[in-house]
Amino acid sequence: MADWTNEISIKFVELYQTEEILWNAKHRNHKDKAKMNDAWCRISKILNIPIEDLINKKNSIMATFRGHLRKKKASIKSGAGQNDIYRPIWFLYDQMESFLGKLNDCNVTLNTEEVNIITS
């Protein structure tokens, strides 16, 4: 079992991001098991961590990411101000949201406190 320091976890997410076939279900080769395995092998070789450990870590960090994303989405509601939106402090969240956020399509809100509404 690998020793998952924050530094190794960050490097893993960087490598995982480069292998779009692994995280983008719409990738044309996402269902090709051989190509998926090749992608895992490339990450495994760089980090010197067995594929099984990489997949377990991926499952763990994805569960954590989804939990934070769910909290963020729940905090974004009609009439919520910018200060009311949940901001995850988990060390991998921003890095993962940078490429997985578009897949999960998190809503963006408008800060109505800063908008001047003109009525006629």
PDB file of N, CA and C in Angstrom:
ATOM      1  N   MET A   1       0.848  -1.186   0.000  1.00  0.00           N
ATOM      2  CA  MET A   1       0.000   0.000   0.000  1.00  0.00           C
ATOM      3  C   MET A   1       0.890   1.245   0.000  1.00  0.00           C
ATOM      4  N   ALA A   2       0.530   2.202  -0.791  1.00  0.00           N
ATOM      5  CA  ALA A   2       1.319   3.424  -0.958  1.00  0.00           C
ATOM      6  C   ALA A   2       1.167   4.354   0.238  1.00  0.00           C
ATOM      7  N   ASP A   3       2.203   5.136   0.483  1.00  0.00           N
ATOM      8  CA  ASP A   3       2.170   6.170   1.517  1.00  0.00           C
ATOM      9  C   ASP A   3       1.701   7.457   0.838  1.00  0.00           C
ATOM     10  N   TRP A   4       0.429   7.813   1.028  1.00  0.00           N
ATOM     11  CA  TRP A   4      -0.185   8.925   0.317  1.00  0.00           C
ATOM     12  C   TRP A   4       0.008  10.236   1.070  1.00  0.00           C
ATOM     13  N   THR A   5       1.132  10.884   0.858  1.00  0.00           N
ATOM     14  CA  THR A   5       1.338  12.219   1.407  1.00  0.00           C
ATOM     15  C   THR A   5       0.537  13.205   0.560  1.00  0.00           C
ATOM     16  N   ASN A   6       0.379  14.410   1.064  1.00  0.00           N
ATOM     17  CA  ASN A   6      -0.313  15.440   0.274  1.00  0.00           C
ATOM     18  C   ASN A   6       0.407  15.681  -1.047  1.00  0.00           C
ATOM     19  N   GLU A   7       1.730  15.682  -1.000  1.00  0.00           N
ATOM     20  CA  GLU A   7       2.524  15.927  -2.209  1.00  0.00           C
ATOM     21  C   GLU A   7       2.274  14.847  -3.268  1.00  0.00           C
ATOM     22  N   ILE A   8       2.250  13.594  -2.844  1.00  0.00           N
ATOM     23  CA  ILE A   8       2.003  12.498  -3.787  1.00  0.00           C
ATOM     24  C   ILE A   8       0.564  12.554  -4.294  1.00  0.00           C
ATOM     25  N   SER A   9      -0.364  12.903  -3.418  1.00  0.00           N
ATOM     26  CA  SER A   9      -1.768  13.015  -3.825  1.00  0.00           C
ATOM     27  C   SER A   9      -1.945  14.104  -4.873  1.00  0.00           C
ATOM     28  N   ILE A  10      -1.280  15.228  -4.682  1.00  0.00           N
ATOM     29  CA  ILE A  10      -1.351  16.329  -5.648  1.00  0.00           C
ATOM     30  C   ILE A  10      -0.762  15.893  -6.990  1.00  0.00           C
ATOM     31  N   LYS A  11       0.376  15.223  -6.948  1.00  0.00           N
ATOM     32  CA  LYS A  11       1.002  14.725  -8.179  1.00  0.00           C
ATOM     33  C   LYS A  11       0.082  13.716  -8.872  1.00  0.00           C
ATOM     34  N   PHE A  12      -0.543  12.851  -8.087  1.00  0.00           N
ATOM     35  CA  PHE A  12      -1.479  11.878  -8.654  1.00  0.00           C
ATOM     36  C   PHE A  12      -2.622  12.578  -9.380  1.00  0.00           C
ATOM     37  N   VAL A  13      -3.205  13.591  -8.761  1.00  0.00           N
ATOM     38  CA  VAL A  13      -4.317  14.308  -9.393  1.00  0.00           C
ATOM     39  C   VAL A  13      -3.835  15.007 -10.666  1.00  0.00           C
ATOM     40  N   GLU A  14      -2.626  15.554 -10.654  1.00  0.00           N
ATOM     41  CA  GLU A  14      -2.070  16.174 -11.868  1.00  0.00           C
ATOM     42  C   GLU A  14      -1.974  15.151 -12.997  1.00  0.00           C
ATOM     43  N   LEU A  15      -1.458  13.972 -12.683  1.00  0.00           N
ATOM     44  CA  LEU A  15      -1.319  12.924 -13.700  1.00  0.00           C
ATOM     45  C   LEU A  15      -2.680  12.398 -14.146  1.00  0.00           C
ATOM     46  N   TYR A  16      -3.578  12.246 -13.199  1.00  0.00           N
ATOM     47  CA  TYR A  16      -4.943  11.793 -13.502  1.00  0.00           C
ATOM     48  C   TYR A  16      -5.616  12.778 -14.455  1.00  0.00           C
ATOM     49  N   GLN A  17      -5.405  14.056 -14.232  1.00  0.00           N
ATOM     50  CA  GLN A  17      -5.990  15.089 -15.091  1.00  0.00           C
ATOM     51  C   GLN A  17      -5.479  14.962 -16.526  1.00  0.00           C
ATOM     52  N   THR A  18      -4.220  14.627 -16.700  1.00  0.00           N
ATOM     53  CA  THR A  18      -3.654  14.514 -18.050  1.00  0.00           C
ATOM     54  C   THR A  18      -4.211  13.313 -18.809  1.00  0.00           C
ATOM     55  N   GLU A  19      -4.740  12.340 -18.078  1.00  0.00           N
ATOM     56  CA  GLU A  19      -5.292  11.132 -18.697  1.00  0.00           C
ATOM     57  C   GLU A  19      -6.816  11.257 -18.776  1.00  0.00           C
ATOM     58  N   GLU A  20      -7.286  12.098 -19.676  1.00  0.00           N
ATOM     59  CA  GLU A  20      -8.718  12.391 -19.789  1.00  0.00           C
ATOM     60  C   GLU A  20      -9.554  11.135 -19.991  1.00  0.00           C
ATOM     61  N   ILE A  21      -8.994  10.135 -20.615  1.00  0.00           N
ATOM     62  CA  ILE A  21      -9.715   8.888 -20.846  1.00  0.00           C
ATOM     63  C   ILE A  21     -10.234   8.288 -19.534  1.00  0.00           C
ATOM     64  N   LEU A  22      -9.531   8.540 -18.432  1.00  0.00           N
ATOM     65  CA  LEU A  22      -9.906   7.962 -17.140  1.00  0.00           C
ATOM     66  C   LEU A  22     -11.084   8.669 -16.483  1.00  0.00           C
ATOM     67  N   TRP A  23     -11.184   9.978 -16.661  1.00  0.00           N
ATOM     68  CA  TRP A  23     -12.199  10.734 -15.918  1.00  0.00           C
ATOM     69  C   TRP A  23     -13.329  11.298 -16.770  1.00  0.00           C
ATOM     70  N   ASN A  24     -13.184  11.277 -18.076  1.00  0.00           N
ATOM     71  CA  ASN A  24     -14.228  11.821 -18.945  1.00  0.00           C
ATOM     72  C   ASN A  24     -14.975  10.676 -19.630  1.00  0.00           C
ATOM     73  N   ALA A  25     -16.176  10.382 -19.134  1.00  0.00           N
ATOM     74  CA  ALA A  25     -16.973   9.280 -19.687  1.00  0.00           C
ATOM     75  C   ALA A  25     -17.342   9.516 -21.148  1.00  0.00           C
ATOM     76  N   LYS A  26     -17.246  10.749 -21.620  1.00  0.00           N
ATOM     77  CA  LYS A  26     -17.565  11.055 -23.021  1.00  0.00           C
ATOM     78  C   LYS A  26     -16.350  10.912 -23.941  1.00  0.00           C
ATOM     79  N   HIS A  27     -15.186  10.620 -23.363  1.00  0.00           N
ATOM     80  CA  HIS A  27     -13.984  10.405 -24.173  1.00  0.00           C
ATOM     81  C   HIS A  27     -14.220   9.196 -25.076  1.00  0.00           C
ATOM     82  N   ARG A  28     -13.804   9.302 -26.311  1.00  0.00           N
ATOM     83  CA  ARG A  28     -14.114   8.255 -27.295  1.00  0.00           C
ATOM     84  C   ARG A  28     -13.552   6.881 -26.911  1.00  0.00           C
ATOM     85  N   ASN A  29     -12.483   6.837 -26.107  1.00  0.00           N
ATOM     86  CA  ASN A  29     -11.880   5.558 -25.718  1.00  0.00           C
ATOM     87  C   ASN A  29     -12.162   5.172 -24.267  1.00  0.00           C
ATOM     88  N   HIS A  30     -13.080   5.874 -23.629  1.00  0.00           N
ATOM     89  CA  HIS A  30     -13.348   5.621 -22.207  1.00  0.00           C
ATOM     90  C   HIS A  30     -13.799   4.182 -21.940  1.00  0.00           C
ATOM     91  N   LYS A  31     -14.450   3.559 -22.886  1.00  0.00           N
ATOM     92  CA  LYS A  31     -14.940   2.186 -22.689  1.00  0.00           C
ATOM     93  C   LYS A  31     -13.957   1.131 -23.191  1.00  0.00           C
ATOM     94  N   ASP A  32     -12.824   1.570 -23.710  1.00  0.00           N
ATOM     95  CA  ASP A  32     -11.798   0.647 -24.197  1.00  0.00           C
ATOM     96  C   ASP A  32     -10.907   0.254 -23.016  1.00  0.00           C
ATOM     97  N   LYS A  33     -11.113  -0.960 -22.505  1.00  0.00           N
ATOM     98  CA  LYS A  33     -10.405  -1.397 -21.297  1.00  0.00           C
ATOM     99  C   LYS A  33      -8.888  -1.402 -21.472  1.00  0.00           C
ATOM    100  N   ALA A  34      -8.417  -1.765 -22.648  1.00  0.00           N
ATOM    101  CA  ALA A  34      -6.974  -1.803 -22.889  1.00  0.00           C
ATOM    102  C   ALA A  34      -6.372  -0.399 -22.812  1.00  0.00           C
ATOM    103  N   LYS A  35      -7.051   0.569 -23.413  1.00  0.00           N
ATOM    104  CA  LYS A  35      -6.543   1.948 -23.388  1.00  0.00           C
ATOM    105  C   LYS A  35      -6.664   2.555 -21.994  1.00  0.00           C
ATOM    106  N   MET A  36      -7.724   2.195 -21.287  1.00  0.00           N
ATOM    107  CA  MET A  36      -7.859   2.656 -19.900  1.00  0.00           C
ATOM    108  C   MET A  36      -6.708   2.089 -19.066  1.00  0.00           C
ATOM    109  N   ASN A  37      -6.421   0.812 -19.257  1.00  0.00           N
ATOM    110  CA  ASN A  37      -5.333   0.176 -18.518  1.00  0.00           C
ATOM    111  C   ASN A  37      -3.994   0.823 -18.858  1.00  0.00           C
ATOM    112  N   ASP A  38      -3.796   1.159 -20.127  1.00  0.00           N
ATOM    113  CA  ASP A  38      -2.559   1.837 -20.535  1.00  0.00           C
ATOM    114  C   ASP A  38      -2.396   3.162 -19.790  1.00  0.00           C
ATOM    115  N   ALA A  39      -3.489   3.898 -19.646  1.00  0.00           N
ATOM    116  CA  ALA A  39      -3.438   5.182 -18.931  1.00  0.00           C
ATOM    117  C   ALA A  39      -3.066   4.957 -17.467  1.00  0.00           C
ATOM    118  N   TRP A  40      -3.687   3.966 -16.835  1.00  0.00           N
ATOM    119  CA  TRP A  40      -3.341   3.656 -15.440  1.00  0.00           C
ATOM    120  C   TRP A  40      -1.880   3.213 -15.332  1.00  0.00           C
ATOM    121  N   CYS A  41      -1.403   2.449 -16.313  1.00  0.00           N
ATOM    122  CA  CYS A  41      -0.002   1.992 -16.308  1.00  0.00           C
ATOM    123  C   CYS A  41       0.971   3.168 -16.380  1.00  0.00           C
ATOM    124  N   ARG A  42       0.638   4.164 -17.181  1.00  0.00           N
ATOM    125  CA  ARG A  42       1.515   5.340 -17.284  1.00  0.00           C
ATOM    126  C   ARG A  42       1.620   6.051 -15.931  1.00  0.00           C
ATOM    127  N   ILE A  43       0.498   6.219 -15.263  1.00  0.00           N
ATOM    128  CA  ILE A  43       0.516   6.879 -13.949  1.00  0.00           C
ATOM    129  C   ILE A  43       1.263   6.006 -12.946  1.00  0.00           C
ATOM    130  N   SER A  44       1.002   4.714 -12.978  1.00  0.00           N
ATOM    131  CA  SER A  44       1.648   3.776 -12.064  1.00  0.00           C
ATOM    132  C   SER A  44       3.169   3.802 -12.215  1.00  0.00           C
ATOM    133  N   LYS A  45       3.619   3.851 -13.446  1.00  0.00           N
ATOM    134  CA  LYS A  45       5.062   3.857 -13.715  1.00  0.00           C
ATOM    135  C   LYS A  45       5.715   5.132 -13.178  1.00  0.00           C
ATOM    136  N   ILE A  46       5.067   6.267 -13.367  1.00  0.00           N
ATOM    137  CA  ILE A  46       5.628   7.542 -12.909  1.00  0.00           C
ATOM    138  C   ILE A  46       5.680   7.607 -11.384  1.00  0.00           C
ATOM    139  N   LEU A  47       4.597   7.190 -10.729  1.00  0.00           N
ATOM    140  CA  LEU A  47       4.526   7.292  -9.266  1.00  0.00           C
ATOM    141  C   LEU A  47       5.099   6.072  -8.549  1.00  0.00           C
ATOM    142  N   ASN A  48       5.342   5.008  -9.310  1.00  0.00           N
ATOM    143  CA  ASN A  48       5.814   3.754  -8.729  1.00  0.00           C
ATOM    144  C   ASN A  48       4.835   3.237  -7.666  1.00  0.00           C
ATOM    145  N   ILE A  49       3.559   3.272  -8.017  1.00  0.00           N
ATOM    146  CA  ILE A  49       2.481   2.812  -7.138  1.00  0.00           C
ATOM    147  C   ILE A  49       1.638   1.831  -7.950  1.00  0.00           C
ATOM    148  N   PRO A  50       1.280   0.685  -7.362  1.00  0.00           N
ATOM    149  CA  PRO A  50       0.465  -0.296  -8.092  1.00  0.00           C
ATOM    150  C   PRO A  50      -0.880   0.286  -8.553  1.00  0.00           C
ATOM    151  N   ILE A  51      -1.344  -0.180  -9.690  1.00  0.00           N
ATOM    152  CA  ILE A  51      -2.597   0.317 -10.263  1.00  0.00           C
ATOM    153  C   ILE A  51      -3.755   0.157  -9.280  1.00  0.00           C
ATOM    154  N   GLU A  52      -3.815  -0.962  -8.589  1.00  0.00           N
ATOM    155  CA  GLU A  52      -4.903  -1.186  -7.632  1.00  0.00           C
ATOM    156  C   GLU A  52      -4.940  -0.083  -6.572  1.00  0.00           C
ATOM    157  N   ASP A  53      -3.775   0.322  -6.081  1.00  0.00           N
ATOM    158  CA  ASP A  53      -3.707   1.408  -5.094  1.00  0.00           C
ATOM    159  C   ASP A  53      -4.141   2.739  -5.714  1.00  0.00           C
ATOM    160  N   LEU A  54      -3.767   2.962  -6.972  1.00  0.00           N
ATOM    161  CA  LEU A  54      -4.166   4.195  -7.657  1.00  0.00           C
ATOM    162  C   LEU A  54      -5.685   4.270  -7.810  1.00  0.00           C
ATOM    163  N   ILE A  55      -6.282   3.162  -8.196  1.00  0.00           N
ATOM    164  CA  ILE A  55      -7.734   3.139  -8.385  1.00  0.00           C
ATOM    165  C   ILE A  55      -8.449   3.331  -7.048  1.00  0.00           C
ATOM    166  N   ASN A  56      -7.937   2.696  -5.992  1.00  0.00           N
ATOM    167  CA  ASN A  56      -8.529   2.891  -4.661  1.00  0.00           C
ATOM    168  C   ASN A  56      -8.430   4.346  -4.230  1.00  0.00           C
ATOM    169  N   LYS A  57      -7.277   4.971  -4.488  1.00  0.00           N
ATOM    170  CA  LYS A  57      -7.099   6.382  -4.130  1.00  0.00           C
ATOM    171  C   LYS A  57      -8.035   7.255  -4.957  1.00  0.00           C
ATOM    172  N   LYS A  58      -8.155   6.946  -6.239  1.00  0.00           N
ATOM    173  CA  LYS A  58      -9.064   7.709  -7.105  1.00  0.00           C
ATOM    174  C   LYS A  58     -10.488   7.634  -6.576  1.00  0.00           C
ATOM    175  N   ASN A  59     -10.919   6.439  -6.198  1.00  0.00           N
ATOM    176  CA  ASN A  59     -12.274   6.274  -5.663  1.00  0.00           C
ATOM    177  C   ASN A  59     -12.458   7.073  -4.378  1.00  0.00           C
ATOM    178  N   SER A  60     -11.450   7.074  -3.539  1.00  0.00           N
ATOM    179  CA  SER A  60     -11.515   7.807  -2.272  1.00  0.00           C
ATOM    180  C   SER A  60     -11.586   9.319  -2.495  1.00  0.00           C
ATOM    181  N   ILE A  61     -10.704   9.845  -3.332  1.00  0.00           N
ATOM    182  CA  ILE A  61     -10.706  11.299  -3.532  1.00  0.00           C
ATOM    183  C   ILE A  61     -11.923  11.755  -4.329  1.00  0.00           C
ATOM    184  N   MET A  62     -12.432  10.895  -5.214  1.00  0.00           N
ATOM    185  CA  MET A  62     -13.652  11.260  -5.945  1.00  0.00           C
ATOM    186  C   MET A  62     -14.840  11.334  -4.995  1.00  0.00           C
ATOM    187  N   ALA A  63     -14.907  10.421  -4.033  1.00  0.00           N
ATOM    188  CA  ALA A  63     -15.998  10.456  -3.051  1.00  0.00           C
ATOM    189  C   ALA A  63     -15.919  11.734  -2.224  1.00  0.00           C
ATOM    190  N   THR A  64     -14.716  12.102  -1.821  1.00  0.00           N
ATOM    191  CA  THR A  64     -14.532  13.336  -1.051  1.00  0.00           C
ATOM    192  C   THR A  64     -14.879  14.550  -1.904  1.00  0.00           C
ATOM    193  N   PHE A  65     -14.418  14.562  -3.148  1.00  0.00           N
ATOM    194  CA  PHE A  65     -14.710  15.670  -4.054  1.00  0.00           C
ATOM    195  C   PHE A  65     -16.214  15.823  -4.259  1.00  0.00           C
ATOM    196  N   ARG A  66     -16.901  14.715  -4.529  1.00  0.00           N
ATOM    197  CA  ARG A  66     -18.349  14.774  -4.746  1.00  0.00           C
ATOM    198  C   ARG A  66     -19.083  15.290  -3.515  1.00  0.00           C
ATOM    199  N   GLY A  67     -18.613  14.918  -2.328  1.00  0.00           N
ATOM    200  CA  GLY A  67     -19.234  15.420  -1.104  1.00  0.00           C
ATOM    201  C   GLY A  67     -19.110  16.928  -0.985  1.00  0.00           C
ATOM    202  N   HIS A  68     -17.915  17.442  -1.246  1.00  0.00           N
ATOM    203  CA  HIS A  68     -17.711  18.899  -1.197  1.00  0.00           C
ATOM    204  C   HIS A  68     -18.496  19.601  -2.306  1.00  0.00           C
ATOM    205  N   LEU A  69     -18.524  19.015  -3.489  1.00  0.00           N
ATOM    206  CA  LEU A  69     -19.263  19.611  -4.601  1.00  0.00           C
ATOM    207  C   LEU A  69     -20.759  19.656  -4.290  1.00  0.00           C
ATOM    208  N   ARG A  70     -21.263  18.585  -3.683  1.00  0.00           N
ATOM    209  CA  ARG A  70     -22.681  18.534  -3.307  1.00  0.00           C
ATOM    210  C   ARG A  70     -23.013  19.638  -2.299  1.00  0.00           C
ATOM    211  N   LYS A  71     -22.121  19.842  -1.310  1.00  0.00           N
ATOM    212  CA  LYS A  71     -22.327  20.921  -0.332  1.00  0.00           C
ATOM    213  C   LYS A  71     -22.306  22.284  -1.015  1.00  0.00           C
ATOM    214  N   LYS A  72     -21.391  22.454  -1.959  1.00  0.00           N
ATOM    215  CA  LYS A  72     -21.291  23.727  -2.673  1.00  0.00           C
ATOM    216  C   LYS A  72     -22.557  23.987  -3.479  1.00  0.00           C
ATOM    217  N   LYS A  73     -23.024  22.974  -4.200  1.00  0.00           N
ATOM    218  CA  LYS A  73     -24.241  23.138  -5.002  1.00  0.00           C
ATOM    219  C   LYS A  73     -25.441  23.434  -4.118  1.00  0.00           C
ATOM    220  N   ALA A  74     -25.517  22.771  -2.961  1.00  0.00           N
ATOM    221  CA  ALA A  74     -26.645  22.990  -2.048  1.00  0.00           C
ATOM    222  C   ALA A  74     -26.637  24.406  -1.497  1.00  0.00           C
ATOM    223  N   SER A  75     -25.447  24.992  -1.352  1.00  0.00           N
ATOM    224  CA  SER A  75     -25.354  26.350  -0.808  1.00  0.00           C
ATOM    225  C   SER A  75     -25.685  27.413  -1.849  1.00  0.00           C
ATOM    226  N   ILE A  76     -25.687  27.018  -3.117  1.00  0.00           N
ATOM    227  CA  ILE A  76     -26.002  27.950  -4.199  1.00  0.00           C
ATOM    228  C   ILE A  76     -27.500  27.865  -4.451  1.00  0.00           C
ATOM    229  N   LYS A  77     -28.199  28.831  -3.965  1.00  0.00           N
ATOM    230  CA  LYS A  77     -29.649  28.826  -4.141  1.00  0.00           C
ATOM    231  C   LYS A  77     -30.108  30.226  -4.488  1.00  0.00           C
ATOM    232  N   SER A  78     -31.282  30.335  -4.972  1.00  0.00           N
ATOM    233  CA  SER A  78     -31.824  31.624  -5.366  1.00  0.00           C
ATOM    234  C   SER A  78     -31.808  32.580  -4.188  1.00  0.00           C
ATOM    235  N   GLY A  79     -31.249  33.732  -4.396  1.00  0.00           N
ATOM    236  CA  GLY A  79     -31.192  34.746  -3.354  1.00  0.00           C
ATOM    237  C   GLY A  79     -29.981  34.632  -2.448  1.00  0.00           C
ATOM    238  N   ALA A  80     -29.173  33.598  -2.627  1.00  0.00           N
ATOM    239  CA  ALA A  80     -27.985  33.438  -1.791  1.00  0.00           C
ATOM    240  C   ALA A  80     -26.925  34.439  -2.231  1.00  0.00           C
ATOM    241  N   GLY A  81     -26.348  35.114  -1.272  1.00  0.00           N
ATOM    242  CA  GLY A  81     -25.274  36.049  -1.572  1.00  0.00           C
ATOM    243  C   GLY A  81     -23.959  35.322  -1.760  1.00  0.00           C
ATOM    244  N   GLN A  82     -22.983  35.998  -2.302  1.00  0.00           N
ATOM    245  CA  GLN A  82     -21.673  35.407  -2.554  1.00  0.00           C
ATOM    246  C   GLN A  82     -21.054  34.856  -1.270  1.00  0.00           C
ATOM    247  N   ASN A  83     -21.287  35.528  -0.149  1.00  0.00           N
ATOM    248  CA  ASN A  83     -20.716  35.091   1.125  1.00  0.00           C
ATOM    249  C   ASN A  83     -21.409  33.862   1.698  1.00  0.00           C
ATOM    250  N   ASP A  84     -22.569  33.495   1.158  1.00  0.00           N
ATOM    251  CA  ASP A  84     -23.321  32.344   1.650  1.00  0.00           C
ATOM    252  C   ASP A  84     -22.931  31.039   0.959  1.00  0.00           C
ATOM    253  N   ILE A  85     -22.124  31.117  -0.074  1.00  0.00           N
ATOM    254  CA  ILE A  85     -21.760  29.928  -0.839  1.00  0.00           C
ATOM    255  C   ILE A  85     -20.639  29.179  -0.124  1.00  0.00           C
ATOM    256  N   TYR A  86     -20.826  27.865   0.016  1.00  0.00           N
ATOM    257  CA  TYR A  86     -19.836  26.991   0.654  1.00  0.00           C
ATOM    258  C   TYR A  86     -18.552  26.992  -0.165  1.00  0.00           C
ATOM    259  N   ARG A  87     -17.438  27.199   0.513  1.00  0.00           N
ATOM    260  CA  ARG A  87     -16.126  27.190  -0.141  1.00  0.00           C
ATOM    261  C   ARG A  87     -15.266  26.097   0.494  1.00  0.00           C
ATOM    262  N   PRO A  88     -15.097  24.979  -0.206  1.00  0.00           N
ATOM    263  CA  PRO A  88     -14.307  23.877   0.346  1.00  0.00           C
ATOM    264  C   PRO A  88     -12.865  24.290   0.613  1.00  0.00           C
ATOM    265  N   ILE A  89     -12.320  23.800   1.711  1.00  0.00           N
ATOM    266  CA  ILE A  89     -10.915  24.082   2.029  1.00  0.00           C
ATOM    267  C   ILE A  89     -10.048  22.831   1.867  1.00  0.00           C
ATOM    268  N   TRP A  90     -10.633  21.733   1.400  1.00  0.00           N
ATOM    269  CA  TRP A  90      -9.895  20.494   1.171  1.00  0.00           C
ATOM    270  C   TRP A  90      -8.790  20.749   0.152  1.00  0.00           C
ATOM    271  N   PHE A  91      -7.593  20.295   0.420  1.00  0.00           N
ATOM    272  CA  PHE A  91      -6.417  20.652  -0.374  1.00  0.00           C
ATOM    273  C   PHE A  91      -6.474  20.214  -1.838  1.00  0.00           C
ATOM    274  N   LEU A  92      -7.284  19.246  -2.184  1.00  0.00           N
ATOM    275  CA  LEU A  92      -7.373  18.809  -3.583  1.00  0.00           C
ATOM    276  C   LEU A  92      -8.582  19.371  -4.327  1.00  0.00           C
ATOM    277  N   TYR A  93      -9.467  20.066  -3.613  1.00  0.00           N
ATOM    278  CA  TYR A  93     -10.730  20.473  -4.232  1.00  0.00           C
ATOM    279  C   TYR A  93     -10.534  21.379  -5.454  1.00  0.00           C
ATOM    280  N   ASP A  94      -9.814  22.460  -5.313  1.00  0.00           N
ATOM    281  CA  ASP A  94      -9.661  23.408  -6.431  1.00  0.00           C
ATOM    282  C   ASP A  94      -9.008  22.746  -7.638  1.00  0.00           C
ATOM    283  N   GLN A  95      -8.006  21.926  -7.369  1.00  0.00           N
ATOM    284  CA  GLN A  95      -7.308  21.235  -8.451  1.00  0.00           C
ATOM    285  C   GLN A  95      -8.265  20.294  -9.190  1.00  0.00           C
ATOM    286  N   MET A  96      -9.093  19.586  -8.448  1.00  0.00           N
ATOM    287  CA  MET A  96     -10.026  18.658  -9.083  1.00  0.00           C
ATOM    288  C   MET A  96     -11.173  19.389  -9.763  1.00  0.00           C
ATOM    289  N   GLU A  97     -11.653  20.449  -9.144  1.00  0.00           N
ATOM    290  CA  GLU A  97     -12.749  21.203  -9.751  1.00  0.00           C
ATOM    291  C   GLU A  97     -12.312  21.834 -11.072  1.00  0.00           C
ATOM    292  N   SER A  98     -11.016  22.130 -11.206  1.00  0.00           N
ATOM    293  CA  SER A  98     -10.529  22.769 -12.428  1.00  0.00           C
ATOM    294  C   SER A  98     -10.796  21.922 -13.674  1.00  0.00           C
ATOM    295  N   PHE A  99     -10.823  20.599 -13.527  1.00  0.00           N
ATOM    296  CA  PHE A  99     -11.123  19.777 -14.698  1.00  0.00           C
ATOM    297  C   PHE A  99     -12.393  18.937 -14.547  1.00  0.00           C
ATOM    298  N   LEU A 100     -12.817  18.656 -13.335  1.00  0.00           N
ATOM    299  CA  LEU A 100     -14.039  17.874 -13.145  1.00  0.00           C
ATOM    300  C   LEU A 100     -15.272  18.749 -12.980  1.00  0.00           C
ATOM    301  N   GLY A 101     -15.063  20.010 -12.641  1.00  0.00           N
ATOM    302  CA  GLY A 101     -16.187  20.916 -12.435  1.00  0.00           C
ATOM    303  C   GLY A 101     -17.047  21.063 -13.663  1.00  0.00           C
ATOM    304  N   LYS A 102     -16.421  21.094 -14.834  1.00  0.00           N
ATOM    305  CA  LYS A 102     -17.196  21.233 -16.068  1.00  0.00           C
ATOM    306  C   LYS A 102     -18.038  19.993 -16.343  1.00  0.00           C
ATOM    307  N   LEU A 103     -17.602  18.840 -15.845  1.00  0.00           N
ATOM    308  CA  LEU A 103     -18.395  17.623 -16.013  1.00  0.00           C
ATOM    309  C   LEU A 103     -19.596  17.626 -15.084  1.00  0.00           C
ATOM    310  N   ASN A 104     -19.413  18.227 -13.906  1.00  0.00           N
ATOM    311  CA  ASN A 104     -20.476  18.255 -12.910  1.00  0.00           C
ATOM    312  C   ASN A 104     -21.317  19.515 -13.002  1.00  0.00           C
ATOM    313  N   ASP A 105     -20.897  20.462 -13.837  1.00  0.00           N
ATOM    314  CA  ASP A 105     -21.661  21.665 -14.140  1.00  0.00           C
ATOM    315  C   ASP A 105     -22.225  22.357 -12.907  1.00  0.00           C
ATOM    316  N   CYS A 106     -21.338  22.818 -12.050  1.00  0.00           N
ATOM    317  CA  CYS A 106     -21.754  23.537 -10.846  1.00  0.00           C
ATOM    318  C   CYS A 106     -22.288  24.908 -11.246  1.00  0.00           C
ATOM    319  N   ASN A 107     -23.425  25.285 -10.708  1.00  0.00           N
ATOM    320  CA  ASN A 107     -24.054  26.553 -11.063  1.00  0.00           C
ATOM    321  C   ASN A 107     -23.235  27.747 -10.590  1.00  0.00           C
ATOM    322  N   VAL A 108     -23.320  28.823 -11.329  1.00  0.00           N
ATOM    323  CA  VAL A 108     -22.673  30.076 -10.967  1.00  0.00           C
ATOM    324  C   VAL A 108     -23.763  31.045 -10.556  1.00  0.00           C
ATOM    325  N   THR A 109     -23.498  31.820  -9.503  1.00  0.00           N
ATOM    326  CA  THR A 109     -24.509  32.774  -9.060  1.00  0.00           C
ATOM    327  C   THR A 109     -24.044  34.187  -9.336  1.00  0.00           C
ATOM    328  N   LEU A 110     -24.986  35.067  -9.353  1.00  0.00           N
ATOM    329  CA  LEU A 110     -24.728  36.482  -9.538  1.00  0.00           C
ATOM    330  C   LEU A 110     -24.891  37.148  -8.186  1.00  0.00           C
ATOM    331  N   ASN A 111     -23.925  37.931  -7.783  1.00  0.00           N
ATOM    332  CA  ASN A 111     -24.008  38.621  -6.512  1.00  0.00           C
ATOM    333  C   ASN A 111     -24.935  39.811  -6.692  1.00  0.00           C
ATOM    334  N   THR A 112     -26.179  39.662  -6.262  1.00  0.00           N
ATOM    335  CA  THR A 112     -27.192  40.694  -6.471  1.00  0.00           C
ATOM    336  C   THR A 112     -26.947  41.933  -5.629  1.00  0.00           C
ATOM    337  N   GLU A 113     -26.095  41.812  -4.614  1.00  0.00           N
ATOM    338  CA  GLU A 113     -25.793  42.977  -3.788  1.00  0.00           C
ATOM    339  C   GLU A 113     -24.953  43.992  -4.550  1.00  0.00           C
ATOM    340  N   GLU A 114     -24.253  43.530  -5.606  1.00  0.00           N
ATOM    341  CA  GLU A 114     -23.381  44.416  -6.367  1.00  0.00           C
ATOM    342  C   GLU A 114     -23.997  44.845  -7.697  1.00  0.00           C
ATOM    343  N   VAL A 115     -25.206  44.425  -7.984  1.00  0.00           N
ATOM    344  CA  VAL A 115     -25.835  44.727  -9.259  1.00  0.00           C
ATOM    345  C   VAL A 115     -26.855  45.839  -9.064  1.00  0.00           C
ATOM    346  N   ASN A 116     -26.755  46.853  -9.893  1.00  0.00           N
ATOM    347  CA  ASN A 116     -27.747  47.929  -9.881  1.00  0.00           C
ATOM    348  C   ASN A 116     -28.830  47.576 -10.883  1.00  0.00           C
ATOM    349  N   ILE A 117     -30.051  47.471 -10.407  1.00  0.00           N
ATOM    350  CA  ILE A 117     -31.165  47.125 -11.277  1.00  0.00           C
ATOM    351  C   ILE A 117     -31.845  48.408 -11.721  1.00  0.00           C
ATOM    352  N   ILE A 118     -31.977  48.548 -13.034  1.00  0.00           N
ATOM    353  CA  ILE A 118     -32.611  49.737 -13.600  1.00  0.00           C
ATOM    354  C   ILE A 118     -34.021  49.354 -14.026  1.00  0.00           C
ATOM    355  N   THR A 119     -35.001  50.048 -13.506  1.00  0.00           N
ATOM    356  CA  THR A 119     -36.391  49.799 -13.895  1.00  0.00           C
ATOM    357  C   THR A 119     -36.915  51.029 -14.611  1.00  0.00           C
ATOM    358  N   SER A 120     -37.808  50.789 -15.552  1.00  0.00           N
ATOM    359  CA  SER A 120     -38.342  51.933 -16.298  1.00  0.00           C
ATOM    360  C   SER A 120     -39.781  52.196 -15.948  1.00  0.00           C
TER     361      SER A 120
END
